[in-house]
Amino acid sequence: MGQRWLAALGAGGLLVLGAASAHGFVATSVGGRPGELDVNLQATAERGKIEPNENEASWVKARDFYEYKLGVGYTFGHYGPLQFFSARLEATYYQSPAERNDPSKWAVQPEGSSTPTQLVPECAAGARFLGGGVCEFYAEDRGTLLTPSISAALAFDPKFAFGVFLRGTIPIGMDKEKFANPRLDYFAGGWQMGVELTDWLTYESMMYLGSGTRPFGKEQNGAVAMGNWLHFNADTWLLPWKAGVKAGPYVEGDIHERYDARFDRAYSPQVLPQPGDPGPTQHRDRIRAARFAVALMPYFLVTEHLAVELGYIQKFFGYDARATQAYFAGLRGLVKLM
């Protein structure tokens, strides 16, 4: 499989998992060419619906949710059992929309609007009431995520490759309590595997385990993600370039749970106090996501050192989705330094 395998799973490779971090996807390097610098640019747009609470009235259309990534990686070589050892640094600038209710579906009143006999959804617990039944749970957010990572292949031959990676993320200016923001994992790791089935078809698999904001906080849940793709490739396609497409299912589930008092007070039911109770009982809806999606990731090899990467991710079922769709496009270039 030779150079094609390096393109599929290498530091000089194409988009193995690179997609919206909001969905737990990661772009990691497994394999590669020693002495080669791998530079990539990627823009992602989150679309579809944002689903912060079990109450479907909380679901709103995703708008103005973007991420812009610049990554640089270098493959050093082989060190004992570690083949194609590489290091990478990515910087992602993001902007996420304000989280507000749609008053035509679910009006929220100012804090203190409830009476002893009538409980109404209130804009409370630090949320901001904008009038007209509109509550802003969290303001628009902009910030940067710095993600260093290391990776290496433990097995590599023309028909099979298996590699592992470790990574961490440093947030700069991020509101970590906000729901509709890119996924944040202080510590993460996992593996990638690929098997060549024919000269035009490869099977690829990955597993990703992230800590969320633990052990330093509980604002964001940790998660485990798994993906399986069939990788089809051709020497030429619609354009006179080498091309391919990866397609397959993706599953992500949180391994922790958390609560948000702002969404609970607006969307989760309250129970009127009984005699002797100090006040109403607030029901809490946990935030613990489970997502089942399909990814479609075409690419074009413009030259042996420049690739165009595209992608589309669609969630079909699950809950607590930061956004149910993601679209991304990018460029990846290779520079031989040694």
Protein backbone atom coordinates (compact mmCIF):
# COMPACT_ATOMS: atom_id res chain seq x y z
CA MET A 1 0.00 0.00 0.00
CA GLY A 2 3.07 2.21 0.45
CA GLN A 3 2.48 5.92 -0.14
CA ARG A 4 -1.30 5.47 -0.13
CA TRP A 5 -1.14 4.15 3.44
CA LEU A 6 0.92 7.12 4.50
CA ALA A 7 -1.67 9.38 2.92
CA ALA A 8 -4.47 7.57 4.72
CA LEU A 9 -3.04 7.51 8.25
CA GLY A 10 0.11 9.56 8.23
CA ALA A 11 1.28 12.87 9.56
CA GLY A 12 1.32 13.81 5.91
CA GLY A 13 -2.06 12.20 5.62
CA LEU A 14 -5.51 13.36 4.74
CA LEU A 15 -8.45 13.94 7.00
CA VAL A 16 -8.67 10.86 9.18
CA LEU A 17 -10.97 12.33 11.82
CA GLY A 18 -10.61 16.07 11.37
CA ALA A 19 -14.00 17.59 11.99
CA ALA A 20 -15.88 19.75 14.42
CA SER A 21 -14.47 19.47 17.90
CA ALA A 22 -18.03 20.05 19.05
CA HIS A 23 -18.65 16.46 18.02
CA GLY A 24 -15.53 15.06 19.62
CA PHE A 25 -13.74 14.45 16.36
CA VAL A 26 -9.99 14.91 16.37
CA ALA A 27 -7.32 15.27 13.70
CA THR A 28 -4.40 13.13 14.83
CA SER A 29 -1.28 11.79 13.18
CA VAL A 30 -0.56 8.07 13.02
CA GLY A 31 2.31 7.17 10.73
CA GLY A 32 3.94 9.68 8.40
CA ARG A 33 7.25 10.46 6.78
CA PRO A 34 10.18 11.29 9.08
CA GLY A 35 11.48 14.80 8.59
CA GLU A 36 8.23 16.07 7.11
CA LEU A 37 6.21 19.07 8.28
CA ASP A 38 2.43 18.79 8.01
CA VAL A 39 0.45 22.07 7.97
CA ASN A 40 -3.33 22.25 7.79
CA LEU A 41 -6.00 24.96 7.71
CA GLN A 42 -9.63 24.14 8.39
CA ALA A 43 -12.90 26.07 8.70
CA THR A 44 -15.97 24.48 10.30
CA ALA A 45 -19.58 25.65 10.41
CA GLU A 46 -21.93 24.13 12.98
CA ARG A 47 -25.53 23.97 11.80
CA GLY A 48 -28.77 22.11 12.40
CA LYS A 49 -30.18 22.33 15.92
CA ILE A 50 -28.74 23.02 19.37
CA GLU A 51 -30.43 20.78 21.96
CA PRO A 52 -29.49 21.83 25.51
CA ASN A 53 -32.38 20.27 27.46
CA GLU A 54 -34.73 17.27 27.26
CA ASN A 55 -37.62 19.69 26.72
CA GLU A 56 -37.82 20.00 22.93
CA ALA A 57 -38.97 23.61 23.29
CA SER A 58 -35.34 24.40 24.21
CA TRP A 59 -34.06 23.26 20.81
CA VAL A 60 -33.08 26.17 18.58
CA LYS A 61 -31.56 26.55 15.13
CA ALA A 62 -27.77 26.82 15.15
CA ARG A 63 -26.48 30.07 13.65
CA ASP A 64 -23.12 31.89 13.69
CA PHE A 65 -21.26 28.87 15.11
CA TYR A 66 -17.81 28.69 13.48
CA GLU A 67 -14.33 27.32 14.16
CA TYR A 68 -11.09 28.18 12.36
CA LYS A 69 -8.11 25.89 12.89
CA LEU A 70 -4.40 26.13 12.10
CA GLY A 71 -2.28 23.06 12.83
CA VAL A 72 1.40 22.24 12.44
CA GLY A 73 2.92 18.80 12.97
CA TYR A 74 6.34 17.23 12.56
CA THR A 75 7.30 13.55 12.27
CA PHE A 76 10.61 12.80 13.98
CA GLY A 77 11.16 9.15 13.11
CA HIS A 78 11.39 5.78 14.87
CA TYR A 79 12.27 5.25 18.55
CA GLY A 80 12.30 1.60 19.56
CA PRO A 81 8.74 0.23 19.26
CA LEU A 82 7.39 3.71 18.41
CA GLN A 83 7.32 4.22 14.65
CA PHE A 84 6.74 7.57 12.98
CA PHE A 85 6.74 9.41 16.31
CA SER A 86 5.27 12.88 15.75
CA ALA A 87 4.26 16.02 17.65
CA ARG A 88 1.59 18.52 16.70
CA LEU A 89 0.18 21.86 17.83
CA GLU A 90 -3.21 23.18 16.74
CA ALA A 91 -4.82 26.54 17.46
CA THR A 92 -8.59 26.83 17.01
CA TYR A 93 -10.36 30.18 17.13
CA TYR A 94 -14.11 29.81 17.59
CA GLN A 95 -17.22 31.93 17.83
CA SER A 96 -20.42 30.50 19.25
CA PRO A 97 -23.91 32.04 19.32
CA ALA A 98 -25.78 33.43 22.29
CA GLU A 99 -28.03 30.81 23.87
CA ARG A 100 -31.59 32.17 23.99
CA ASN A 101 -35.08 30.68 24.00
CA ASP A 102 -37.52 31.06 21.13
CA PRO A 103 -40.49 32.89 22.74
CA SER A 104 -42.86 31.66 20.02
CA LYS A 105 -42.27 28.11 21.29
CA TRP A 106 -41.55 28.70 24.99
CA ALA A 107 -41.78 32.10 26.69
CA VAL A 108 -39.62 32.67 29.76
CA GLN A 109 -40.50 35.33 32.35
CA PRO A 110 -38.29 37.51 34.58
CA GLU A 111 -37.00 36.10 37.85
CA GLY A 112 -39.61 36.33 40.59
CA SER A 113 -42.64 36.05 38.29
CA SER A 114 -43.97 32.89 39.92
CA THR A 115 -46.63 33.00 42.64
CA PRO A 116 -47.37 30.50 45.43
CA THR A 117 -50.08 28.95 43.24
CA GLN A 118 -48.65 29.43 39.75
CA LEU A 119 -45.15 28.48 38.75
CA VAL A 120 -43.83 29.79 35.42
CA PRO A 121 -40.53 29.35 33.55
CA GLU A 122 -38.16 32.03 34.84
CA CYS A 123 -34.98 33.66 33.58
CA ALA A 124 -32.90 33.05 36.71
CA ALA A 125 -29.68 31.61 38.15
CA GLY A 126 -27.54 34.22 36.40
CA ALA A 127 -29.36 34.31 33.05
CA ARG A 128 -30.30 37.72 31.56
CA PHE A 129 -33.91 38.66 30.75
CA LEU A 130 -34.18 40.58 27.46
CA GLY A 131 -37.92 41.26 27.50
CA GLY A 132 -40.77 39.86 25.42
CA GLY A 133 -40.39 36.39 26.93
CA VAL A 134 -36.76 36.12 25.79
CA CYS A 135 -34.07 34.90 28.16
CA GLU A 136 -30.35 34.87 27.33
CA PHE A 137 -28.87 31.93 29.18
CA TYR A 138 -25.35 32.56 27.91
CA ALA A 139 -23.94 35.37 25.80
CA GLU A 140 -22.08 34.92 22.52
CA ASP A 141 -18.61 33.53 23.18
CA ARG A 142 -15.29 33.85 21.36
CA GLY A 143 -12.03 32.26 22.33
CA THR A 144 -9.08 30.09 21.34
CA LEU A 145 -8.21 26.46 22.03
CA LEU A 146 -4.56 25.36 21.96
CA THR A 147 -4.13 21.61 21.46
CA PRO A 148 -0.70 19.96 21.65
CA SER A 149 -0.52 16.25 20.84
CA ILE A 150 1.92 13.40 20.29
CA SER A 151 1.35 10.18 18.36
CA ALA A 152 3.13 7.10 17.10
CA ALA A 153 2.45 3.90 15.20
CA LEU A 154 2.90 0.64 17.11
CA ALA A 155 2.42 -1.50 14.01
CA PHE A 156 2.90 -0.50 10.39
CA ASP A 157 3.19 -2.51 7.18
CA PRO A 158 1.76 -2.26 3.64
CA LYS A 159 -1.56 -3.86 4.70
CA PHE A 160 -2.08 -2.80 8.33
CA ALA A 161 -1.37 0.12 10.67
CA PHE A 162 -2.17 0.71 14.31
CA GLY A 163 -1.26 3.82 16.26
CA VAL A 164 -1.94 5.67 19.50
CA PHE A 165 -2.10 9.35 20.45
CA LEU A 166 -2.20 11.60 23.50
CA ARG A 167 -3.38 15.19 23.52
CA GLY A 168 -4.46 18.02 25.77
CA THR A 169 -6.41 21.25 25.26
CA ILE A 170 -5.76 24.66 26.82
CA PRO A 171 -8.75 27.07 26.62
CA ILE A 172 -8.09 30.80 26.32
CA GLY A 173 -11.04 33.11 26.97
CA MET A 174 -13.62 30.32 26.91
CA ASP A 175 -16.83 30.29 28.96
CA LYS A 176 -16.49 26.70 30.16
CA GLU A 177 -20.04 26.56 31.54
CA LYS A 178 -21.64 27.48 28.21
CA PHE A 179 -23.41 24.62 26.47
CA ALA A 180 -23.06 25.54 22.77
CA ASN A 181 -19.26 25.70 22.64
CA PRO A 182 -16.62 23.41 21.13
CA ARG A 183 -15.88 20.27 23.11
CA LEU A 184 -13.18 20.78 25.73
CA ASP A 185 -11.00 17.91 26.99
CA TYR A 186 -8.06 18.84 29.18
CA PHE A 187 -6.64 15.35 28.62
CA ALA A 188 -7.44 12.82 25.89
CA GLY A 189 -6.03 9.77 24.19
CA GLY A 190 -6.97 6.94 21.91
CA TRP A 191 -6.02 4.76 18.99
CA GLN A 192 -6.46 4.54 15.24
CA MET A 193 -6.30 1.47 13.01
CA GLY A 194 -6.45 0.81 9.31
CA VAL A 195 -6.59 -2.35 7.17
CA GLU A 196 -6.24 -2.39 3.39
CA LEU A 197 -8.99 -4.60 1.93
CA THR A 198 -8.21 -4.00 -1.75
CA ASP A 199 -6.06 -1.53 -3.67
CA TRP A 200 -9.02 0.91 -3.69
CA LEU A 201 -10.75 0.17 -0.35
CA THR A 202 -9.50 0.54 3.23
CA TYR A 203 -11.25 0.00 6.56
CA GLU A 204 -10.39 2.54 9.29
CA SER A 205 -11.38 2.61 12.95
CA MET A 206 -10.76 4.95 15.87
CA MET A 207 -11.42 5.32 19.59
CA TYR A 208 -11.15 8.59 21.52
CA LEU A 209 -11.42 9.09 25.30
CA GLY A 210 -11.51 12.62 26.73
CA SER A 211 -11.61 13.84 30.33
CA GLY A 212 -13.71 17.00 29.85
CA THR A 213 -12.62 19.60 32.41
CA ARG A 214 -11.72 16.95 34.98
CA PRO A 215 -9.77 16.70 37.25
CA PHE A 216 -9.78 20.51 37.66
CA GLY A 217 -13.52 21.12 37.32
CA LYS A 218 -16.88 19.66 36.33
CA GLU A 219 -18.07 22.30 33.87
CA GLN A 220 -17.70 20.00 30.83
CA ASN A 221 -18.27 16.24 30.65
CA GLY A 222 -15.70 13.78 29.49
CA ALA A 223 -16.65 11.53 26.57
CA VAL A 224 -15.78 8.43 24.64
CA ALA A 225 -16.10 8.46 20.83
CA MET A 226 -15.82 5.66 18.28
CA GLY A 227 -15.86 5.76 14.51
CA ASN A 228 -15.68 3.25 11.68
CA TRP A 229 -15.10 4.30 8.08
CA LEU A 230 -14.74 2.74 4.68
CA HIS A 231 -12.11 4.66 2.72
CA PHE A 232 -12.61 4.57 -1.07
CA ASN A 233 -9.82 6.01 -3.21
CA ALA A 234 -9.16 6.46 -6.94
CA ASP A 235 -6.24 7.75 -9.03
CA THR A 236 -8.57 10.19 -10.77
CA TRP A 237 -12.17 11.24 -10.19
CA LEU A 238 -14.31 14.17 -11.35
CA LEU A 239 -11.17 16.28 -11.59
CA PRO A 240 -7.73 15.19 -12.87
CA TRP A 241 -6.53 14.60 -9.29
CA LYS A 242 -6.18 11.61 -7.05
CA ALA A 243 -9.23 11.55 -4.81
CA GLY A 244 -11.10 9.56 -2.21
CA VAL A 245 -13.93 9.59 0.26
CA LYS A 246 -14.38 8.24 3.77
CA ALA A 247 -17.86 7.36 4.99
CA GLY A 248 -19.24 5.60 8.03
CA PRO A 249 -20.91 5.80 11.45
CA TYR A 250 -19.73 7.83 14.42
CA VAL A 251 -20.88 7.41 18.03
CA GLU A 252 -20.10 9.67 20.99
CA GLY A 253 -21.28 9.39 24.60
CA ASP A 254 -20.51 11.38 27.72
CA ILE A 255 -18.91 9.48 30.61
CA HIS A 256 -19.96 12.10 33.19
CA GLU A 257 -23.07 14.17 33.76
CA ARG A 258 -23.70 17.75 34.85
CA TYR A 259 -26.60 20.14 35.39
CA ASP A 260 -27.32 23.72 34.41
CA ALA A 261 -29.56 25.71 36.76
CA ARG A 262 -30.34 28.31 34.07
CA PHE A 263 -31.84 25.78 31.67
CA ASP A 264 -33.49 23.83 34.49
CA ARG A 265 -35.36 26.89 35.80
CA ALA A 266 -36.53 27.79 32.30
CA TYR A 267 -37.37 24.38 30.83
CA SER A 268 -37.60 21.76 33.59
CA PRO A 269 -40.82 21.46 35.65
CA GLN A 270 -41.31 22.66 39.20
CA VAL A 271 -43.63 21.06 41.75
CA LEU A 272 -45.81 23.28 43.94
CA PRO A 273 -44.84 23.10 47.62
CA GLN A 274 -46.82 20.86 49.92
CA PRO A 275 -47.75 21.87 53.47
CA GLY A 276 -44.56 22.19 55.47
CA ASP A 277 -42.29 22.48 52.41
CA PRO A 278 -40.06 25.59 52.32
CA GLY A 279 -40.75 26.14 48.63
CA PRO A 280 -41.32 24.52 45.25
CA THR A 281 -39.20 21.57 44.18
CA GLN A 282 -37.11 22.17 41.05
CA HIS A 283 -36.69 19.21 38.73
CA ARG A 284 -33.22 18.92 37.19
CA ASP A 285 -32.48 17.51 33.74
CA ARG A 286 -29.01 16.08 33.42
CA ILE A 287 -26.69 16.99 30.57
CA ARG A 288 -25.19 13.72 29.45
CA ALA A 289 -24.95 13.43 25.70
CA ALA A 290 -25.26 10.41 23.43
CA ARG A 291 -24.96 11.03 19.70
CA PHE A 292 -25.23 8.71 16.72
CA ALA A 293 -24.11 10.23 13.43
CA VAL A 294 -22.75 9.52 9.96
CA ALA A 295 -19.66 11.24 8.56
CA LEU A 296 -18.86 11.80 4.88
CA MET A 297 -15.33 13.09 4.17
CA PRO A 298 -14.14 13.49 0.56
CA TYR A 299 -10.66 14.75 -0.35
CA PHE A 300 -8.57 15.60 -3.41
CA LEU A 301 -4.81 15.21 -3.79
CA VAL A 302 -4.02 18.26 -5.90
CA THR A 303 -0.33 17.32 -5.79
CA GLU A 304 1.69 14.85 -3.75
CA HIS A 305 2.20 17.66 -1.24
CA LEU A 306 -1.16 19.46 -1.21
CA ALA A 307 -4.64 18.15 -0.42
CA VAL A 308 -8.14 19.64 -0.25
CA GLU A 309 -10.26 18.16 2.56
CA LEU A 310 -14.05 18.41 2.88
CA GLY A 311 -16.54 16.93 5.28
CA TYR A 312 -20.14 16.66 6.43
CA ILE A 313 -21.42 15.17 9.69
CA GLN A 314 -25.12 14.51 10.38
CA LYS A 315 -26.54 13.42 13.72
CA PHE A 316 -29.49 11.09 13.21
CA PHE A 317 -30.54 10.45 16.79
CA GLY A 318 -29.38 11.08 20.33
CA TYR A 319 -29.71 14.04 22.68
CA ASP A 320 -27.85 17.01 24.20
CA ALA A 321 -26.28 17.93 20.86
CA ARG A 322 -24.29 21.15 20.69
CA ALA A 323 -25.15 21.14 16.98
CA THR A 324 -26.65 18.37 14.89
CA GLN A 325 -24.71 19.12 11.70
CA ALA A 326 -21.17 20.16 10.83
CA TYR A 327 -19.64 21.23 7.53
CA PHE A 328 -15.92 21.72 7.11
CA ALA A 329 -13.32 22.44 4.45
CA GLY A 330 -9.57 22.66 4.63
CA LEU A 331 -6.15 22.50 3.02
CA ARG A 332 -3.26 20.29 4.09
CA GLY A 333 0.28 20.82 2.86
CA LEU A 334 3.48 18.82 3.33
CA VAL A 335 6.98 20.25 3.50
CA LYS A 336 10.08 18.05 3.55
CA LEU A 337 12.61 19.49 6.00
CA MET A 338 15.14 16.66 6.05
